[in-house]
Amino acid sequence: MIKENILLALSAIRANKMRSFLTMLGMIIGIFSVISIVSLGDTMRGAFISEYEAIGTGYAYLYIMPEEDYYTEDDLFSKDDRDDLLYAMGDDLLYAGFGVSERIDIKVGRKQETVYLTGVGTNATAQYDPKILYGRMISDEDALHQRNYVVLEKSTAMALFGKENAVGETFSITLNNELQELMVVGVYENDDSAFMKLMSGGQPQNAYVTEEIMVPQEGATQFQMEVVFNEDHNMEQSKQKLINYISRMKNCTADQVRVYSAMDEMDQVDSLLGGLSAVLGAIAAISLLVGGIGIMNIMLVSVTERTREIGIRKALGACTSDILVQFLVESAIISVLGGTLGMVLGIGIVSGAGAIIGIQAVVKSSVVILAVAFSALVGVGFGLYPALKAAKKDPVEALRYE
């Protein structure tokens, strides 16, 4: 019986191809919107999580929240504070620095490039570990002896010196109101993911120098420090040890010492994107209801057009439930076909867009199944009233209908 109703439904759809397609269009748009928006949100969440994992779970930054509305000298960090912190924390910390960065223009002859000059401290690779192509990264000795060395990105080296291997080349810049001559000791390749390159939007590349060059004055202070915890140790214990030490060092309460790790930020971003994706998905799902109204409308028209057919079927012995199932199956098939086309379109566009920009698209099967199942439910729900109207028709009156 179900097979017969399916064949009848497909026959009715073929008989009115354009009308059936336009009816399906609401479901196609609805399912496409839900799948593409939710998948886009999941893809963004996955990309952000991957980037935070690449940074490392041990990375964190810290600062002191002052009791007043302004910062005093005691609330800031000096180079001595940094060195004392590294010594006191021992193996619990792999790196501590200020994360100082400044956008500057480098000129070599008539050539000019803009870079973010970033200062690094001892054990720099624990925090900054670029893919070195030529030469080397800034070393501990360079940091300790405040050597005027720099590591450039290969595109910067090519633009300034006409070659990737610019190790040994020199140039001058003005930094902290002083003219500094820097020598290139390394050239690296930017191996950021496609997602990060897309997010950066063509921002200048980093150029690494010793932190002592960026913050040369004795007694110079900074608002915050960035640290890298040893992931082989208990992170929570290391974090608490850090907070206790800073509170003693700066004579403040432990509550004033704020330490935010990469994992803390990742959880916040993931929660934000997850909520945003759910809200946008729910808004997109409203279009499914609009599609359902379209199905109800066209099924009411179909019932009116096929009144005589209903009368003939009832005269030949079809009962009320047979007519009801016939029209319910037809509305469900219209809805499912539209949902399937929307699913294929949504998955195809999301996957294609991900491939084009080099990001792994995330399309959860649970979302696809739920969307298509919901489309079928909408079809049955909005097809119920027309089906009941058809099933309740009086056969005699139906046969008289012209």
Protein backbone atom coordinates (compact mmCIF):
# COMPACT_ATOMS: atom_id res chain seq x y z
CA MET A 1 0.00 0.00 0.00
CA ILE A 2 2.82 2.41 0.87
CA LYS A 3 4.56 1.56 -2.40
CA GLU A 4 1.37 2.38 -4.31
CA ASN A 5 1.04 5.72 -2.52
CA ILE A 6 4.67 6.57 -3.27
CA LEU A 7 4.13 5.83 -6.96
CA LEU A 8 0.96 7.95 -6.97
CA ALA A 9 2.84 10.80 -5.29
CA LEU A 10 5.72 10.66 -7.78
CA SER A 11 3.22 10.57 -10.65
CA ALA A 12 1.48 13.70 -9.29
CA ILE A 13 4.85 15.46 -8.89
CA ARG A 14 5.88 14.61 -12.46
CA ALA A 15 2.56 15.87 -13.76
CA ASN A 16 3.26 19.31 -12.26
CA LYS A 17 7.05 19.59 -12.45
CA MET A 18 7.42 23.36 -12.24
CA ARG A 19 4.83 23.75 -9.50
CA SER A 20 6.39 20.92 -7.50
CA PHE A 21 9.88 22.40 -7.87
CA LEU A 22 8.75 25.83 -6.73
CA THR A 23 7.09 24.18 -3.73
CA MET A 24 10.32 22.31 -2.94
CA LEU A 25 12.31 25.54 -3.26
CA GLY A 26 11.30 26.67 0.22
CA MET A 27 12.62 23.42 1.71
CA ILE A 28 15.75 23.56 -0.45
CA ILE A 29 16.58 27.07 0.79
CA GLY A 30 15.71 26.17 4.39
CA ILE A 31 17.84 23.02 4.56
CA PHE A 32 20.68 24.69 2.65
CA SER A 33 20.64 27.62 5.10
CA VAL A 34 20.62 25.42 8.20
CA ILE A 35 23.38 23.08 7.02
CA SER A 36 25.63 25.81 5.59
CA ILE A 37 25.31 28.16 8.59
CA VAL A 38 25.78 25.45 11.24
CA SER A 39 28.64 23.87 9.25
CA LEU A 40 30.28 27.26 8.80
CA GLY A 41 30.10 27.79 12.56
CA ASP A 42 31.55 24.33 13.26
CA THR A 43 34.29 24.93 10.69
CA MET A 44 35.25 28.23 12.30
CA ARG A 45 35.23 26.60 15.74
CA GLY A 46 37.47 23.79 14.48
CA ALA A 47 39.87 26.26 12.85
CA PHE A 48 40.15 28.37 16.01
CA ILE A 49 40.69 25.30 18.19
CA SER A 50 43.45 24.10 15.84
CA GLU A 51 45.17 27.47 16.04
CA TYR A 52 45.02 27.56 19.83
CA GLU A 53 46.35 24.01 20.01
CA ALA A 54 49.19 25.08 17.72
CA ILE A 55 50.02 27.92 20.12
CA GLY A 56 50.21 25.36 22.91
CA THR A 57 48.19 24.80 26.04
CA GLY A 58 51.07 26.15 28.12
CA TYR A 59 50.89 29.69 26.76
CA ALA A 60 49.38 32.38 29.00
CA TYR A 61 49.59 36.09 29.66
CA LEU A 62 49.37 37.83 33.00
CA TYR A 63 48.81 41.26 34.40
CA ILE A 64 47.83 42.91 37.67
CA MET A 65 44.42 44.48 38.07
CA PRO A 66 44.95 47.63 40.15
CA GLU A 67 42.74 48.44 43.10
CA GLU A 68 42.22 51.96 41.77
CA ASP A 69 41.12 52.99 38.28
CA TYR A 70 44.68 53.66 37.18
CA TYR A 71 48.01 51.82 37.08
CA THR A 72 50.92 52.73 39.28
CA GLU A 73 54.56 51.77 38.88
CA ASP A 74 54.03 48.88 41.29
CA ASP A 75 51.41 47.35 38.99
CA LEU A 76 53.80 47.14 36.03
CA PHE A 77 56.57 44.65 35.23
CA SER A 78 60.24 45.43 34.76
CA LYS A 79 63.01 43.36 33.22
CA ASP A 80 64.20 42.53 36.74
CA ASP A 81 60.70 41.25 37.54
CA ARG A 82 60.86 39.04 34.46
CA ASP A 83 64.25 37.63 35.38
CA ASP A 84 63.23 37.06 39.02
CA LEU A 85 60.08 35.29 37.90
CA LEU A 86 61.99 32.91 35.65
CA TYR A 87 64.41 32.10 38.46
CA ALA A 88 61.70 31.59 41.09
CA MET A 89 59.48 29.40 38.90
CA GLY A 90 62.32 27.11 37.82
CA ASP A 91 61.18 24.25 35.56
CA ASP A 92 57.54 25.29 35.85
CA LEU A 93 58.14 28.07 33.31
CA LEU A 94 59.80 27.61 29.94
CA TYR A 95 59.54 31.23 28.87
CA ALA A 96 58.71 34.68 30.22
CA GLY A 97 58.73 37.89 28.25
CA PHE A 98 56.84 41.07 27.50
CA GLY A 99 55.59 40.22 24.03
CA VAL A 100 56.64 43.68 22.84
CA SER A 101 55.90 44.36 19.18
CA GLU A 102 56.15 47.51 17.10
CA ARG A 103 55.18 48.21 13.51
CA ILE A 104 58.13 49.80 11.72
CA ASP A 105 59.35 50.50 8.19
CA ILE A 106 62.66 49.00 7.06
CA LYS A 107 64.47 50.82 4.27
CA VAL A 108 67.33 49.36 2.23
CA GLY A 109 68.29 51.76 -0.53
CA ARG A 110 65.07 52.63 -2.36
CA LYS A 111 63.30 49.53 -1.11
CA GLN A 112 60.97 49.62 1.86
CA GLU A 113 59.04 46.95 3.77
CA THR A 114 56.77 47.22 6.80
CA VAL A 115 57.17 44.58 9.52
CA TYR A 116 56.09 43.91 13.07
CA LEU A 117 59.34 44.01 15.03
CA THR A 118 58.84 41.52 17.86
CA GLY A 119 61.14 41.20 20.85
CA VAL A 120 61.97 37.74 22.22
CA GLY A 121 63.74 36.68 25.40
CA THR A 122 65.77 33.66 26.42
CA ASN A 123 64.57 30.24 25.28
CA ALA A 124 62.67 32.05 22.54
CA THR A 125 61.62 28.90 20.68
CA ALA A 126 59.39 27.90 23.60
CA GLN A 127 57.12 30.77 22.50
CA TYR A 128 58.28 31.73 19.00
CA ASP A 129 59.40 28.80 16.87
CA PRO A 130 59.34 29.83 13.20
CA LYS A 131 60.39 27.48 10.41
CA ILE A 132 64.00 28.59 9.82
CA LEU A 133 65.17 28.31 6.20
CA TYR A 134 68.56 30.01 6.48
CA GLY A 135 70.72 30.82 9.51
CA ARG A 136 69.16 30.51 12.96
CA MET A 137 66.67 31.91 15.44
CA ILE A 138 67.56 34.47 18.12
CA SER A 139 69.57 32.58 20.76
CA ASP A 140 69.88 32.92 24.54
CA GLU A 141 73.33 34.43 24.08
CA ASP A 142 71.91 37.06 21.73
CA ALA A 143 69.29 37.99 24.32
CA LEU A 144 71.73 38.06 27.24
CA HIS A 145 74.26 40.20 25.39
CA GLN A 146 71.68 42.45 23.71
CA ARG A 147 73.04 41.73 20.25
CA ASN A 148 71.59 43.68 17.34
CA TYR A 149 70.46 40.63 15.40
CA VAL A 150 67.24 40.12 13.48
CA VAL A 151 65.37 37.20 11.89
CA LEU A 152 63.30 38.09 8.80
CA GLU A 153 60.53 36.32 6.90
CA LYS A 154 61.67 35.16 3.46
CA SER A 155 59.30 37.48 1.54
CA THR A 156 60.66 40.43 3.53
CA ALA A 157 64.24 39.37 2.80
CA MET A 158 63.44 39.00 -0.90
CA ALA A 159 61.77 42.41 -1.06
CA LEU A 160 64.64 44.18 0.71
CA PHE A 161 67.70 42.35 -0.59
CA GLY A 162 66.47 40.60 -3.74
CA LYS A 163 67.23 37.16 -2.31
CA GLU A 164 65.79 34.79 0.29
CA ASN A 165 69.12 33.98 1.96
CA ALA A 166 69.84 37.40 3.40
CA VAL A 167 71.94 36.09 6.34
CA GLY A 168 74.78 38.54 6.99
CA GLU A 169 73.02 41.54 5.42
CA THR A 170 72.54 44.67 7.53
CA PHE A 171 70.14 47.62 7.66
CA SER A 172 69.45 50.53 9.99
CA ILE A 173 66.24 51.47 11.78
CA THR A 174 65.24 54.05 14.36
CA LEU A 175 64.09 52.36 17.54
CA ASN A 176 63.40 54.06 20.86
CA ASN A 177 64.63 57.31 19.31
CA GLU A 178 68.00 55.72 18.58
CA LEU A 179 69.51 54.63 15.29
CA GLN A 180 70.14 50.88 15.43
CA GLU A 181 72.02 48.78 12.89
CA LEU A 182 70.70 45.23 12.72
CA MET A 183 72.30 42.20 11.11
CA VAL A 184 70.21 39.38 9.66
CA VAL A 185 71.10 36.07 11.34
CA GLY A 186 68.14 34.04 10.15
CA VAL A 187 65.40 33.82 7.54
CA TYR A 188 62.18 31.92 8.21
CA GLU A 189 59.16 30.82 6.22
CA ASN A 190 55.67 31.76 7.34
CA ASP A 191 54.00 28.38 7.89
CA ASP A 192 50.75 29.75 9.30
CA SER A 193 47.65 27.80 8.33
CA ALA A 194 45.45 29.02 5.48
CA PHE A 195 42.92 30.11 8.11
CA MET A 196 45.42 32.37 9.89
CA LYS A 197 46.67 33.82 6.61
CA LEU A 198 43.07 34.58 5.69
CA MET A 199 42.39 36.16 9.09
CA SER A 200 45.57 38.26 8.97
CA GLY A 201 44.37 39.87 5.75
CA GLY A 202 47.82 40.63 4.39
CA GLN A 203 49.20 42.12 7.60
CA PRO A 204 52.97 42.73 7.77
CA GLN A 205 55.20 39.79 8.68
CA ASN A 206 57.04 39.48 11.99
CA ALA A 207 60.73 40.25 12.32
CA TYR A 208 62.32 38.90 15.52
CA VAL A 209 64.92 40.74 17.57
CA THR A 210 66.09 40.45 21.17
CA GLU A 211 63.67 41.80 23.74
CA GLU A 212 66.49 43.85 25.24
CA ILE A 213 66.63 45.95 22.07
CA MET A 214 62.89 46.58 22.19
CA VAL A 215 62.98 47.50 25.92
CA PRO A 216 66.54 48.80 26.43
CA GLN A 217 66.11 51.32 29.26
CA GLU A 218 66.91 50.35 32.79
CA GLY A 219 63.77 50.38 34.89
CA ALA A 220 61.50 50.22 31.84
CA THR A 221 58.13 48.67 32.66
CA GLN A 222 55.40 46.87 30.76
CA PHE A 223 51.70 46.35 31.37
CA GLN A 224 51.74 42.56 31.03
CA MET A 225 53.98 39.54 30.57
CA GLU A 226 53.51 36.45 28.48
CA VAL A 227 54.67 33.10 29.82
CA VAL A 228 54.84 29.50 28.68
CA PHE A 229 54.21 26.86 31.33
CA ASN A 230 55.95 23.51 31.21
CA GLU A 231 53.21 21.16 29.99
CA ASP A 232 54.97 18.22 31.64
CA HIS A 233 54.08 19.72 35.01
CA ASN A 234 50.68 20.13 36.61
CA MET A 235 49.33 23.26 34.94
CA GLU A 236 47.00 24.29 37.74
CA GLN A 237 49.70 23.94 40.36
CA SER A 238 52.15 25.91 38.22
CA LYS A 239 49.55 28.60 37.66
CA GLN A 240 48.84 28.89 41.39
CA LYS A 241 52.57 29.03 42.14
CA LEU A 242 52.91 31.86 39.64
CA ILE A 243 49.99 33.79 41.15
CA ASN A 244 51.37 33.40 44.67
CA TYR A 245 54.82 34.58 43.61
CA ILE A 246 53.52 37.62 41.69
CA SER A 247 51.28 38.64 44.59
CA ARG A 248 54.30 38.58 46.94
CA MET A 249 56.52 40.33 44.42
CA LYS A 250 54.05 43.13 43.77
CA ASN A 251 52.58 43.26 47.26
CA CYS A 252 49.04 42.70 46.03
CA THR A 253 46.30 40.14 46.61
CA ALA A 254 46.13 36.91 44.62
CA ASP A 255 42.79 38.03 43.19
CA GLN A 256 44.50 40.99 41.55
CA VAL A 257 46.85 38.74 39.57
CA ARG A 258 45.11 37.79 36.33
CA VAL A 259 46.47 34.82 34.37
CA TYR A 260 44.72 33.85 31.14
CA SER A 261 45.92 30.79 29.27
CA ALA A 262 45.41 29.88 25.65
CA MET A 263 42.98 27.19 26.82
CA ASP A 264 40.92 29.77 28.72
CA GLU A 265 40.64 31.92 25.61
CA MET A 266 39.91 28.87 23.45
CA ASP A 267 37.01 27.86 25.71
CA GLN A 268 35.59 31.39 25.56
CA VAL A 269 35.88 31.60 21.77
CA ASP A 270 34.43 28.11 21.35
CA SER A 271 31.50 28.94 23.60
CA LEU A 272 30.86 32.21 21.76
CA LEU A 273 31.02 30.63 18.29
CA GLY A 274 28.91 27.67 19.43
CA GLY A 275 26.19 29.98 20.75
CA LEU A 276 26.32 32.17 17.66
CA SER A 277 26.09 29.14 15.37
CA ALA A 278 23.09 27.81 17.29
CA VAL A 279 21.27 31.16 17.12
CA LEU A 280 21.95 31.62 13.40
CA GLY A 281 20.93 28.00 12.75
CA ALA A 282 17.66 28.56 14.61
CA ILE A 283 16.99 31.71 12.57
CA ALA A 284 17.73 29.81 9.37
CA ALA A 285 15.34 27.06 10.49
CA ILE A 286 12.50 29.58 10.30
CA SER A 287 12.77 29.32 6.52
CA LEU A 288 11.79 25.65 6.90
CA LEU A 289 8.48 26.77 8.38
CA VAL A 290 7.99 29.11 5.41
CA GLY A 291 8.68 26.13 3.14
CA GLY A 292 6.13 24.10 5.10
CA ILE A 293 3.50 26.78 4.53
CA GLY A 294 4.24 26.56 0.83
CA ILE A 295 3.70 22.80 0.95
CA MET A 296 0.38 23.23 2.75
CA ASN A 297 -0.73 25.78 0.19
CA ILE A 298 0.09 23.62 -2.81
CA MET A 299 -1.43 20.52 -1.24
CA LEU A 300 -4.70 22.41 -0.66
CA VAL A 301 -4.69 23.35 -4.34
CA SER A 302 -3.93 19.73 -5.24
CA VAL A 303 -6.81 18.45 -3.12
CA THR A 304 -9.18 20.87 -4.84
CA GLU A 305 -7.93 19.89 -8.31
CA ARG A 306 -8.20 16.16 -7.58
CA THR A 307 -11.60 16.18 -5.91
CA ARG A 308 -13.06 13.98 -8.63
CA GLU A 309 -10.12 11.53 -8.32
CA ILE A 310 -10.78 11.29 -4.58
CA GLY A 311 -14.45 10.56 -5.25
CA ILE A 312 -13.59 7.81 -7.72
CA ARG A 313 -11.12 6.18 -5.32
CA LYS A 314 -13.69 6.22 -2.51
CA ALA A 315 -16.36 4.83 -4.84
CA LEU A 316 -14.00 1.96 -5.68
CA GLY A 317 -13.54 1.09 -1.99
CA ALA A 318 -10.76 3.35 -0.70
CA CYS A 319 -11.34 4.24 2.93
CA THR A 320 -10.67 7.54 4.68
CA SER A 321 -7.27 6.38 5.96
CA ASP A 322 -6.16 5.45 2.42
CA ILE A 323 -6.85 8.95 1.12
CA LEU A 324 -5.21 10.47 4.21
CA VAL A 325 -2.04 8.42 3.76
CA GLN A 326 -1.94 9.17 0.03
CA PHE A 327 -1.78 12.92 0.50
CA LEU A 328 0.50 12.71 3.54
CA VAL A 329 2.98 10.61 1.56
CA GLU A 330 2.87 13.10 -1.30
CA SER A 331 3.57 16.09 0.96
CA ALA A 332 6.35 14.17 2.75
CA ILE A 333 8.00 13.22 -0.56
CA ILE A 334 7.92 16.83 -1.77
CA SER A 335 9.48 17.91 1.51
CA VAL A 336 12.14 15.17 1.59
CA LEU A 337 13.12 15.73 -2.05
CA GLY A 338 13.52 19.44 -1.33
CA GLY A 339 15.45 18.66 1.84
CA THR A 340 17.75 16.27 0.00
CA LEU A 341 18.52 18.81 -2.72
CA GLY A 342 19.16 21.45 -0.04
CA MET A 343 21.45 19.02 1.81
CA VAL A 344 23.50 18.28 -1.33
CA LEU A 345 23.72 22.00 -2.14
CA GLY A 346 24.71 22.93 1.43
CA ILE A 347 27.38 20.24 1.79
CA GLY A 348 28.74 20.95 -1.69
CA ILE A 349 29.09 24.70 -1.19
CA VAL A 350 30.57 24.44 2.32
CA SER A 351 33.07 21.76 1.23
CA GLY A 352 33.93 23.63 -1.96
CA ALA A 353 34.47 26.92 -0.15
CA GLY A 354 36.66 25.18 2.42
CA ALA A 355 38.77 23.59 -0.32
CA ILE A 356 39.20 26.93 -2.12
CA ILE A 357 40.47 28.80 0.95
CA GLY A 358 42.38 25.80 2.30
CA ILE A 359 40.33 25.15 5.45
CA GLN A 360 39.02 21.72 6.45
CA ALA A 361 35.23 22.04 6.27
CA VAL A 362 33.31 20.47 9.16
CA VAL A 363 29.92 19.02 8.19
CA LYS A 364 28.48 16.93 11.01
CA SER A 365 26.36 13.98 9.93
CA SER A 366 24.08 14.55 12.93
CA VAL A 367 23.23 18.04 11.64
CA VAL A 368 22.50 16.72 8.15
CA ILE A 369 20.31 13.87 9.42
CA LEU A 370 18.46 16.16 11.81
CA ALA A 371 17.85 18.77 9.10
CA VAL A 372 16.49 16.26 6.57
CA ALA A 373 14.39 14.52 9.23
CA PHE A 374 13.01 17.87 10.30
CA SER A 375 12.15 18.69 6.69
CA ALA A 376 10.19 15.42 6.43
CA LEU A 377 8.41 16.23 9.70
CA VAL A 378 7.53 19.69 8.40
CA GLY A 379 6.17 18.13 5.22
CA VAL A 380 3.98 15.70 7.16
CA GLY A 381 2.90 18.36 9.67
CA PHE A 382 1.89 20.94 7.09
CA GLY A 383 0.44 18.29 4.80
CA LEU A 384 -1.82 16.92 7.53
CA TYR A 385 -4.60 19.51 7.16
CA PRO A 386 -4.90 19.16 3.34
CA ALA A 387 -4.78 15.36 3.73
CA LEU A 388 -7.55 15.42 6.34
CA LYS A 389 -9.62 17.70 4.12
CA ALA A 390 -9.21 15.27 1.23
CA ALA A 391 -9.96 12.22 3.38
CA LYS A 392 -13.19 13.69 4.75
CA LYS A 393 -14.71 14.52 1.36
CA ASP A 394 -18.06 12.96 0.69
CA PRO A 395 -17.67 10.57 -2.28
CA VAL A 396 -21.00 11.54 -3.83
CA GLU A 397 -20.21 15.26 -3.65
CA ALA A 398 -16.69 14.56 -4.92
CA LEU A 399 -18.00 12.69 -7.98
CA ARG A 400 -20.30 15.61 -8.81
CA TYR A 401 -17.39 18.10 -8.64
CA GLU A 402 -16.41 19.65 -11.95
